[in-house]
PDB file of N, CA and C in Angstrom:
ATOM      1  N   MET A   1     -25.198  82.596   7.238  1.00  0.00           N
ATOM      2  CA  MET A   1     -25.893  82.655   5.968  1.00  0.00           C
ATOM      3  C   MET A   1     -26.615  83.991   5.881  1.00  0.00           C
ATOM      4  N   SER A   2     -26.465  84.636   4.753  1.00  0.00           N
ATOM      5  CA  SER A   2     -27.175  85.885   4.538  1.00  0.00           C
ATOM      6  C   SER A   2     -28.630  85.588   4.169  1.00  0.00           C
ATOM      7  N   GLU A   3     -29.451  86.584   4.280  1.00  0.00           N
ATOM      8  CA  GLU A   3     -30.863  86.423   3.989  1.00  0.00           C
ATOM      9  C   GLU A   3     -31.084  86.159   2.504  1.00  0.00           C
ATOM     10  N   ILE A   4     -31.960  85.231   2.226  1.00  0.00           N
ATOM     11  CA  ILE A   4     -32.289  84.880   0.852  1.00  0.00           C
ATOM     12  C   ILE A   4     -33.568  85.610   0.477  1.00  0.00           C
ATOM     13  N   LYS A   5     -33.427  86.560  -0.457  1.00  0.00           N
ATOM     14  CA  LYS A   5     -34.571  87.368  -0.882  1.00  0.00           C
ATOM     15  C   LYS A   5     -34.982  87.097  -2.325  1.00  0.00           C
ATOM     16  N   THR A   6     -34.041  86.612  -3.137  1.00  0.00           N
ATOM     17  CA  THR A   6     -34.317  86.435  -4.558  1.00  0.00           C
ATOM     18  C   THR A   6     -33.879  85.045  -5.009  1.00  0.00           C
ATOM     19  N   ARG A   7     -34.256  84.689  -6.219  1.00  0.00           N
ATOM     20  CA  ARG A   7     -33.796  83.422  -6.801  1.00  0.00           C
ATOM     21  C   ARG A   7     -32.283  83.426  -6.944  1.00  0.00           C
ATOM     22  N   GLY A   8     -31.711  84.582  -7.287  1.00  0.00           N
ATOM     23  CA  GLY A   8     -30.260  84.697  -7.399  1.00  0.00           C
ATOM     24  C   GLY A   8     -29.573  84.479  -6.060  1.00  0.00           C
ATOM     25  N   ASP A   9     -30.173  85.006  -4.985  1.00  0.00           N
ATOM     26  CA  ASP A   9     -29.624  84.779  -3.643  1.00  0.00           C
ATOM     27  C   ASP A   9     -29.612  83.292  -3.312  1.00  0.00           C
ATOM     28  N   MET A  10     -30.698  82.611  -3.694  1.00  0.00           N
ATOM     29  CA  MET A  10     -30.781  81.179  -3.431  1.00  0.00           C
ATOM     30  C   MET A  10     -29.706  80.432  -4.207  1.00  0.00           C
ATOM     31  N   LEU A  11     -29.479  80.802  -5.459  1.00  0.00           N
ATOM     32  CA  LEU A  11     -28.443  80.139  -6.245  1.00  0.00           C
ATOM     33  C   LEU A  11     -27.053  80.468  -5.702  1.00  0.00           C
ATOM     34  N   ASP A  12     -26.849  81.685  -5.220  1.00  0.00           N
ATOM     35  CA  ASP A  12     -25.580  82.016  -4.553  1.00  0.00           C
ATOM     36  C   ASP A  12     -25.344  81.062  -3.392  1.00  0.00           C
ATOM     37  N   TYR A  13     -26.381  80.870  -2.586  1.00  0.00           N
ATOM     38  CA  TYR A  13     -26.271  80.003  -1.415  1.00  0.00           C
ATOM     39  C   TYR A  13     -26.018  78.547  -1.822  1.00  0.00           C
ATOM     40  N   ILE A  14     -26.760  78.052  -2.805  1.00  0.00           N
ATOM     41  CA  ILE A  14     -26.572  76.668  -3.265  1.00  0.00           C
ATOM     42  C   ILE A  14     -25.177  76.486  -3.852  1.00  0.00           C
ATOM     43  N   THR A  15     -24.678  77.472  -4.578  1.00  0.00           N
ATOM     44  CA  THR A  15     -23.323  77.410  -5.131  1.00  0.00           C
ATOM     45  C   THR A  15     -22.295  77.348  -4.015  1.00  0.00           C
ATOM     46  N   LYS A  16     -22.460  78.173  -3.003  1.00  0.00           N
ATOM     47  CA  LYS A  16     -21.548  78.156  -1.846  1.00  0.00           C
ATOM     48  C   LYS A  16     -21.566  76.781  -1.175  1.00  0.00           C
ATOM     49  N   CYS A  17     -22.756  76.225  -1.002  1.00  0.00           N
ATOM     50  CA  CYS A  17     -22.876  74.891  -0.397  1.00  0.00           C
ATOM     51  C   CYS A  17     -22.211  73.831  -1.268  1.00  0.00           C
ATOM     52  N   ALA A  18     -22.385  73.916  -2.581  1.00  0.00           N
ATOM     53  CA  ALA A  18     -21.774  72.944  -3.494  1.00  0.00           C
ATOM     54  C   ALA A  18     -20.255  73.010  -3.406  1.00  0.00           C
ATOM     55  N   LYS A  19     -19.694  74.228  -3.302  1.00  0.00           N
ATOM     56  CA  LYS A  19     -18.240  74.380  -3.181  1.00  0.00           C
ATOM     57  C   LYS A  19     -17.733  73.729  -1.896  1.00  0.00           C
ATOM     58  N   GLU A  20     -18.459  73.917  -0.802  1.00  0.00           N
ATOM     59  CA  GLU A  20     -18.067  73.316   0.477  1.00  0.00           C
ATOM     60  C   GLU A  20     -18.242  71.801   0.458  1.00  0.00           C
ATOM     61  N   TYR A  21     -19.343  71.351  -0.109  1.00  0.00           N
ATOM     62  CA  TYR A  21     -19.672  69.931  -0.132  1.00  0.00           C
ATOM     63  C   TYR A  21     -18.776  69.131  -1.067  1.00  0.00           C
ATOM     64  N   SER A  22     -18.311  69.754  -2.113  1.00  0.00           N
ATOM     65  CA  SER A  22     -17.505  69.065  -3.112  1.00  0.00           C
ATOM     66  C   SER A  22     -16.347  68.283  -2.491  1.00  0.00           C
ATOM     67  N   VAL A  23     -15.668  68.892  -1.549  1.00  0.00           N
ATOM     68  CA  VAL A  23     -14.499  68.239  -0.947  1.00  0.00           C
ATOM     69  C   VAL A  23     -14.887  67.162   0.063  1.00  0.00           C
ATOM     70  N   LYS A  24     -16.142  67.153   0.523  1.00  0.00           N
ATOM     71  CA  LYS A  24     -16.612  66.181   1.504  1.00  0.00           C
ATOM     72  C   LYS A  24     -17.513  65.113   0.891  1.00  0.00           C
ATOM     73  N   CYS A  25     -17.842  65.276  -0.359  1.00  0.00           N
ATOM     74  CA  CYS A  25     -18.868  64.471  -1.001  1.00  0.00           C
ATOM     75  C   CYS A  25     -18.580  62.967  -0.951  1.00  0.00           C
ATOM     76  N   LYS A  26     -17.390  62.577  -1.355  1.00  0.00           N
ATOM     77  CA  LYS A  26     -17.072  61.152  -1.422  1.00  0.00           C
ATOM     78  C   LYS A  26     -17.223  60.492  -0.057  1.00  0.00           C
ATOM     79  N   GLU A  27     -16.704  61.133   0.976  1.00  0.00           N
ATOM     80  CA  GLU A  27     -16.809  60.577   2.325  1.00  0.00           C
ATOM     81  C   GLU A  27     -18.268  60.513   2.777  1.00  0.00           C
ATOM     82  N   SER A  28     -19.037  61.512   2.389  1.00  0.00           N
ATOM     83  CA  SER A  28     -20.452  61.534   2.749  1.00  0.00           C
ATOM     84  C   SER A  28     -21.207  60.393   2.069  1.00  0.00           C
ATOM     85  N   ILE A  29     -20.893  60.156   0.812  1.00  0.00           N
ATOM     86  CA  ILE A  29     -21.543  59.053   0.086  1.00  0.00           C
ATOM     87  C   ILE A  29     -21.222  57.720   0.746  1.00  0.00           C
ATOM     88  N   ILE A  30     -19.973  57.544   1.123  1.00  0.00           N
ATOM     89  CA  ILE A  30     -19.569  56.297   1.786  1.00  0.00           C
ATOM     90  C   ILE A  30     -20.256  56.176   3.146  1.00  0.00           C
ATOM     91  N   ARG A  31     -20.241  57.247   3.921  1.00  0.00           N
ATOM     92  CA  ARG A  31     -20.843  57.242   5.256  1.00  0.00           C
ATOM     93  C   ARG A  31     -22.343  56.956   5.184  1.00  0.00           C
ATOM     94  N   ASN A  32     -22.979  57.454   4.150  1.00  0.00           N
ATOM     95  CA  ASN A  32     -24.420  57.282   4.002  1.00  0.00           C
ATOM     96  C   ASN A  32     -24.777  56.207   2.984  1.00  0.00           C
ATOM     97  N   SER A  33     -23.926  55.218   2.843  1.00  0.00           N
ATOM     98  CA  SER A  33     -24.142  54.184   1.824  1.00  0.00           C
ATOM     99  C   SER A  33     -25.437  53.409   2.046  1.00  0.00           C
ATOM    100  N   HIS A  34     -25.944  53.426   3.255  1.00  0.00           N
ATOM    101  CA  HIS A  34     -27.223  52.755   3.516  1.00  0.00           C
ATOM    102  C   HIS A  34     -28.390  53.484   2.846  1.00  0.00           C
ATOM    103  N   MET A  35     -28.124  54.684   2.314  1.00  0.00           N
ATOM    104  CA  MET A  35     -29.180  55.480   1.689  1.00  0.00           C
ATOM    105  C   MET A  35     -29.074  55.501   0.167  1.00  0.00           C
ATOM    106  N   ASN A  36     -28.107  54.796  -0.389  1.00  0.00           N
ATOM    107  CA  ASN A  36     -27.951  54.773  -1.846  1.00  0.00           C
ATOM    108  C   ASN A  36     -27.767  53.341  -2.332  1.00  0.00           C
ATOM    109  N   ASP A  37     -27.678  53.178  -3.624  1.00  0.00           N
ATOM    110  CA  ASP A  37     -27.590  51.843  -4.215  1.00  0.00           C
ATOM    111  C   ASP A  37     -26.165  51.432  -4.557  1.00  0.00           C
ATOM    112  N   LEU A  38     -25.187  52.106  -3.974  1.00  0.00           N
ATOM    113  CA  LEU A  38     -23.791  51.778  -4.249  1.00  0.00           C
ATOM    114  C   LEU A  38     -23.300  50.683  -3.309  1.00  0.00           C
ATOM    115  N   ASP A  39     -22.358  49.896  -3.810  1.00  0.00           N
ATOM    116  CA  ASP A  39     -21.663  48.980  -2.917  1.00  0.00           C
ATOM    117  C   ASP A  39     -20.194  49.400  -2.876  1.00  0.00           C
ATOM    118  N   GLU A  40     -19.412  48.745  -2.057  1.00  0.00           N
ATOM    119  CA  GLU A  40     -18.027  49.175  -1.825  1.00  0.00           C
ATOM    120  C   GLU A  40     -17.209  49.287  -3.095  1.00  0.00           C
ATOM    121  N   SER A  41     -17.478  48.469  -4.085  1.00  0.00           N
ATOM    122  CA  SER A  41     -16.713  48.536  -5.336  1.00  0.00           C
ATOM    123  C   SER A  41     -16.996  49.827  -6.109  1.00  0.00           C
ATOM    124  N   ASP A  42     -18.086  50.500  -5.787  1.00  0.00           N
ATOM    125  CA  ASP A  42     -18.447  51.745  -6.474  1.00  0.00           C
ATOM    126  C   ASP A  42     -17.845  52.986  -5.820  1.00  0.00           C
ATOM    127  N   PHE A  43     -17.223  52.844  -4.674  1.00  0.00           N
ATOM    128  CA  PHE A  43     -16.748  53.996  -3.910  1.00  0.00           C
ATOM    129  C   PHE A  43     -15.489  54.632  -4.478  1.00  0.00           C
ATOM    130  N   ASP A  44     -14.920  54.044  -5.504  1.00  0.00           N
ATOM    131  CA  ASP A  44     -13.707  54.601  -6.112  1.00  0.00           C
ATOM    132  C   ASP A  44     -14.081  55.569  -7.231  1.00  0.00           C
ATOM    133  N   ILE A  45     -14.846  56.598  -6.892  1.00  0.00           N
ATOM    134  CA  ILE A  45     -15.307  57.581  -7.871  1.00  0.00           C
ATOM    135  C   ILE A  45     -14.333  58.757  -7.886  1.00  0.00           C
ATOM    136  N   ASP A  46     -13.997  59.218  -9.067  1.00  0.00           N
ATOM    137  CA  ASP A  46     -13.069  60.341  -9.211  1.00  0.00           C
ATOM    138  C   ASP A  46     -13.766  61.661  -8.878  1.00  0.00           C
ATOM    139  N   GLN A  47     -13.003  62.599  -8.354  1.00  0.00           N
ATOM    140  CA  GLN A  47     -13.525  63.913  -7.991  1.00  0.00           C
ATOM    141  C   GLN A  47     -14.112  64.654  -9.192  1.00  0.00           C
ATOM    142  N   ILE A  48     -13.567  64.404 -10.384  1.00  0.00           N
ATOM    143  CA  ILE A  48     -14.094  65.108 -11.558  1.00  0.00           C
ATOM    144  C   ILE A  48     -15.554  64.751 -11.818  1.00  0.00           C
ATOM    145  N   TYR A  49     -15.950  63.514 -11.509  1.00  0.00           N
ATOM    146  CA  TYR A  49     -17.338  63.108 -11.687  1.00  0.00           C
ATOM    147  C   TYR A  49     -18.231  63.727 -10.613  1.00  0.00           C
ATOM    148  N   ILE A  50     -17.730  63.759  -9.399  1.00  0.00           N
ATOM    149  CA  ILE A  50     -18.469  64.399  -8.305  1.00  0.00           C
ATOM    150  C   ILE A  50     -18.738  65.856  -8.637  1.00  0.00           C
ATOM    151  N   ASP A  51     -17.693  66.560  -9.050  1.00  0.00           N
ATOM    152  CA  ASP A  51     -17.829  67.985  -9.373  1.00  0.00           C
ATOM    153  C   ASP A  51     -18.777  68.201 -10.546  1.00  0.00           C
ATOM    154  N   ALA A  52     -18.697  67.342 -11.556  1.00  0.00           N
ATOM    155  CA  ALA A  52     -19.574  67.476 -12.724  1.00  0.00           C
ATOM    156  C   ALA A  52     -21.038  67.308 -12.329  1.00  0.00           C
ATOM    157  N   ILE A  53     -21.319  66.363 -11.469  1.00  0.00           N
ATOM    158  CA  ILE A  53     -22.698  66.132 -11.025  1.00  0.00           C
ATOM    159  C   ILE A  53     -23.194  67.309 -10.189  1.00  0.00           C
ATOM    160  N   LEU A  54     -22.371  67.796  -9.281  1.00  0.00           N
ATOM    161  CA  LEU A  54     -22.768  68.941  -8.463  1.00  0.00           C
ATOM    162  C   LEU A  54     -23.056  70.169  -9.319  1.00  0.00           C
ATOM    163  N   VAL A  55     -22.170  70.465 -10.263  1.00  0.00           N
ATOM    164  CA  VAL A  55     -22.345  71.635 -11.131  1.00  0.00           C
ATOM    165  C   VAL A  55     -23.590  71.473 -11.995  1.00  0.00           C
ATOM    166  N   ASP A  56     -23.789  70.295 -12.531  1.00  0.00           N
ATOM    167  CA  ASP A  56     -24.961  70.057 -13.354  1.00  0.00           C
ATOM    168  C   ASP A  56     -26.232  70.255 -12.535  1.00  0.00           C
ATOM    169  N   PHE A  57     -26.236  69.798 -11.302  1.00  0.00           N
ATOM    170  CA  PHE A  57     -27.410  69.934 -10.445  1.00  0.00           C
ATOM    171  C   PHE A  57     -27.683  71.401 -10.100  1.00  0.00           C
ATOM    172  N   VAL A  58     -26.650  72.145  -9.748  1.00  0.00           N
ATOM    173  CA  VAL A  58     -26.828  73.569  -9.443  1.00  0.00           C
ATOM    174  C   VAL A  58     -27.355  74.312 -10.672  1.00  0.00           C
ATOM    175  N   ASN A  59     -26.780  74.037 -11.833  1.00  0.00           N
ATOM    176  CA  ASN A  59     -27.255  74.677 -13.063  1.00  0.00           C
ATOM    177  C   ASN A  59     -28.687  74.258 -13.402  1.00  0.00           C
ATOM    178  N   TYR A  60     -29.030  73.015 -13.096  1.00  0.00           N
ATOM    179  CA  TYR A  60     -30.392  72.532 -13.305  1.00  0.00           C
ATOM    180  C   TYR A  60     -31.376  73.325 -12.433  1.00  0.00           C
ATOM    181  N   ILE A  61     -31.021  73.538 -11.176  1.00  0.00           N
ATOM    182  CA  ILE A  61     -31.871  74.341 -10.298  1.00  0.00           C
ATOM    183  C   ILE A  61     -32.027  75.745 -10.874  1.00  0.00           C
ATOM    184  N   GLY A  62     -30.933  76.311 -11.359  1.00  0.00           N
ATOM    185  CA  GLY A  62     -31.003  77.628 -11.986  1.00  0.00           C
ATOM    186  C   GLY A  62     -31.957  77.649 -13.166  1.00  0.00           C
ATOM    187  N   MET A  63     -31.874  76.645 -14.021  1.00  0.00           N
ATOM    188  CA  MET A  63     -32.762  76.591 -15.188  1.00  0.00           C
ATOM    189  C   MET A  63     -34.222  76.457 -14.755  1.00  0.00           C
ATOM    190  N   GLN A  64     -34.472  75.736 -13.669  1.00  0.00           N
ATOM    191  CA  GLN A  64     -35.835  75.615 -13.158  1.00  0.00           C
ATOM    192  C   GLN A  64     -36.367  76.958 -12.661  1.00  0.00           C
ATOM    193  N   GLN A  65     -35.450  77.865 -12.356  1.00  0.00           N
ATOM    194  CA  GLN A  65     -35.815  79.211 -11.912  1.00  0.00           C
ATOM    195  C   GLN A  65     -35.672  80.232 -13.050  1.00  0.00           C
ATOM    196  N   CYS A  66     -35.567  79.746 -14.280  1.00  0.00           N
ATOM    197  CA  CYS A  66     -35.427  80.579 -15.481  1.00  0.00           C
ATOM    198  C   CYS A  66     -34.162  81.436 -15.442  1.00  0.00           C
ATOM    199  N   MET A  67     -33.095  80.866 -14.897  1.00  0.00           N
ATOM    200  CA  MET A  67     -31.812  81.571 -14.819  1.00  0.00           C
ATOM    201  C   MET A  67     -30.725  80.703 -15.428  1.00  0.00           C
ATOM    202  N   ASP A  68     -29.962  81.276 -16.338  1.00  0.00           N
ATOM    203  CA  ASP A  68     -28.799  80.587 -16.894  1.00  0.00           C
ATOM    204  C   ASP A  68     -27.638  80.867 -15.949  1.00  0.00           C
ATOM    205  N   TRP A  69     -27.467  80.030 -14.934  1.00  0.00           N
ATOM    206  CA  TRP A  69     -26.501  80.287 -13.869  1.00  0.00           C
ATOM    207  C   TRP A  69     -25.068  80.203 -14.378  1.00  0.00           C
ATOM    208  N   GLY A  70     -24.778  79.255 -15.247  1.00  0.00           N
ATOM    209  CA  GLY A  70     -23.456  79.174 -15.870  1.00  0.00           C
ATOM    210  C   GLY A  70     -22.330  78.780 -14.929  1.00  0.00           C
ATOM    211  N   LEU A  71     -22.612  77.928 -13.966  1.00  0.00           N
ATOM    212  CA  LEU A  71     -21.568  77.442 -13.063  1.00  0.00           C
ATOM    213  C   LEU A  71     -20.729  76.387 -13.785  1.00  0.00           C
ATOM    214  N   TYR A  72     -19.422  76.467 -13.629  1.00  0.00           N
ATOM    215  CA  TYR A  72     -18.490  75.495 -14.207  1.00  0.00           C
ATOM    216  C   TYR A  72     -17.789  74.753 -13.081  1.00  0.00           C
ATOM    217  N   THR A  73     -17.269  73.565 -13.393  1.00  0.00           N
ATOM    218  CA  THR A  73     -16.557  72.805 -12.366  1.00  0.00           C
ATOM    219  C   THR A  73     -15.368  73.593 -11.827  1.00  0.00           C
ATOM    220  N   ARG A  74     -14.717  74.366 -12.659  1.00  0.00           N
ATOM    221  CA  ARG A  74     -13.577  75.153 -12.191  1.00  0.00           C
ATOM    222  C   ARG A  74     -13.997  76.168 -11.121  1.00  0.00           C
ATOM    223  N   ASP A  75     -15.271  76.576 -11.144  1.00  0.00           N
ATOM    224  CA  ASP A  75     -15.766  77.522 -10.145  1.00  0.00           C
ATOM    225  C   ASP A  75     -15.824  76.912  -8.753  1.00  0.00           C
ATOM    226  N   LEU A  76     -15.932  75.597  -8.671  1.00  0.00           N
ATOM    227  CA  LEU A  76     -15.940  74.943  -7.361  1.00  0.00           C
ATOM    228  C   LEU A  76     -14.594  75.075  -6.663  1.00  0.00           C
ATOM    229  N   LYS A  77     -13.552  75.273  -7.430  1.00  0.00           N
ATOM    230  CA  LYS A  77     -12.192  75.362  -6.879  1.00  0.00           C
ATOM    231  C   LYS A  77     -11.813  76.781  -6.472  1.00  0.00           C
ATOM    232  N   LYS A  78     -12.557  77.766  -6.962  1.00  0.00           N
ATOM    233  CA  LYS A  78     -12.214  79.163  -6.697  1.00  0.00           C
ATOM    234  C   LYS A  78     -12.557  79.535  -5.265  1.00  0.00           C
ATOM    235  N   ASN A  79     -11.710  80.362  -4.665  1.00  0.00           N
ATOM    236  CA  ASN A  79     -11.948  80.816  -3.304  1.00  0.00           C
ATOM    237  C   ASN A  79     -12.968  81.934  -3.236  1.00  0.00           C
ATOM    238  N   GLU A  80     -13.019  82.763  -4.287  1.00  0.00           N
ATOM    239  CA  GLU A  80     -13.963  83.866  -4.238  1.00  0.00           C
ATOM    240  C   GLU A  80     -15.371  83.355  -4.447  1.00  0.00           C
ATOM    241  N   GLU A  81     -16.297  84.092  -3.934  1.00  0.00           N
ATOM    242  CA  GLU A  81     -17.689  83.713  -4.013  1.00  0.00           C
ATOM    243  C   GLU A  81     -18.232  84.001  -5.402  1.00  0.00           C
ATOM    244  N   ILE A  82     -18.972  83.062  -5.975  1.00  0.00           N
ATOM    245  CA  ILE A  82     -19.651  83.252  -7.244  1.00  0.00           C
ATOM    246  C   ILE A  82     -21.024  83.821  -6.897  1.00  0.00           C
ATOM    247  N   THR A  83     -21.400  84.934  -7.484  1.00  0.00           N
ATOM    248  CA  THR A  83     -22.711  85.521  -7.208  1.00  0.00           C
ATOM    249  C   THR A  83     -23.439  85.780  -8.498  1.00  0.00           C
ATOM    250  N   ASN A  84     -24.722  86.036  -8.379  1.00  0.00           N
ATOM    251  CA  ASN A  84     -25.488  86.287  -9.591  1.00  0.00           C
ATOM    252  C   ASN A  84     -25.091  87.591 -10.250  1.00  0.00           C
ATOM    253  N   GLU A  85     -24.400  88.484  -9.547  1.00  0.00           N
ATOM    254  CA  GLU A  85     -23.893  89.692 -10.176  1.00  0.00           C
ATOM    255  C   GLU A  85     -22.641  89.409 -11.005  1.00  0.00           C
ATOM    256  N   SER A  86     -21.855  88.390 -10.589  1.00  0.00           N
ATOM    257  CA  SER A  86     -20.600  88.103 -11.297  1.00  0.00           C
ATOM    258  C   SER A  86     -20.725  86.939 -12.257  1.00  0.00           C
ATOM    259  N   ALA A  87     -21.829  86.212 -12.201  1.00  0.00           N
ATOM    260  CA  ALA A  87     -22.002  85.042 -13.067  1.00  0.00           C
ATOM    261  C   ALA A  87     -22.496  85.456 -14.439  1.00  0.00           C
TER     262      ALA A  87
END
């Protein structure tokens, strides 16, 4: 992890984490089901909903920092890094 010096650096890092977590999210939710209110019938969640929630949360953090981050679900699929210079 590179050093976080600015709000943009923090959003870069959170975006990178969201991209990595997106593919592991469903399994993590199931593994940690003792920490949420879901039961087994709820575990059939589509990836599009997972990605939408992650993107909305990252953008929400950006707005709390007075930054229009503009992350889209399609950005979670991209291999290149999304940064505050390119967003």
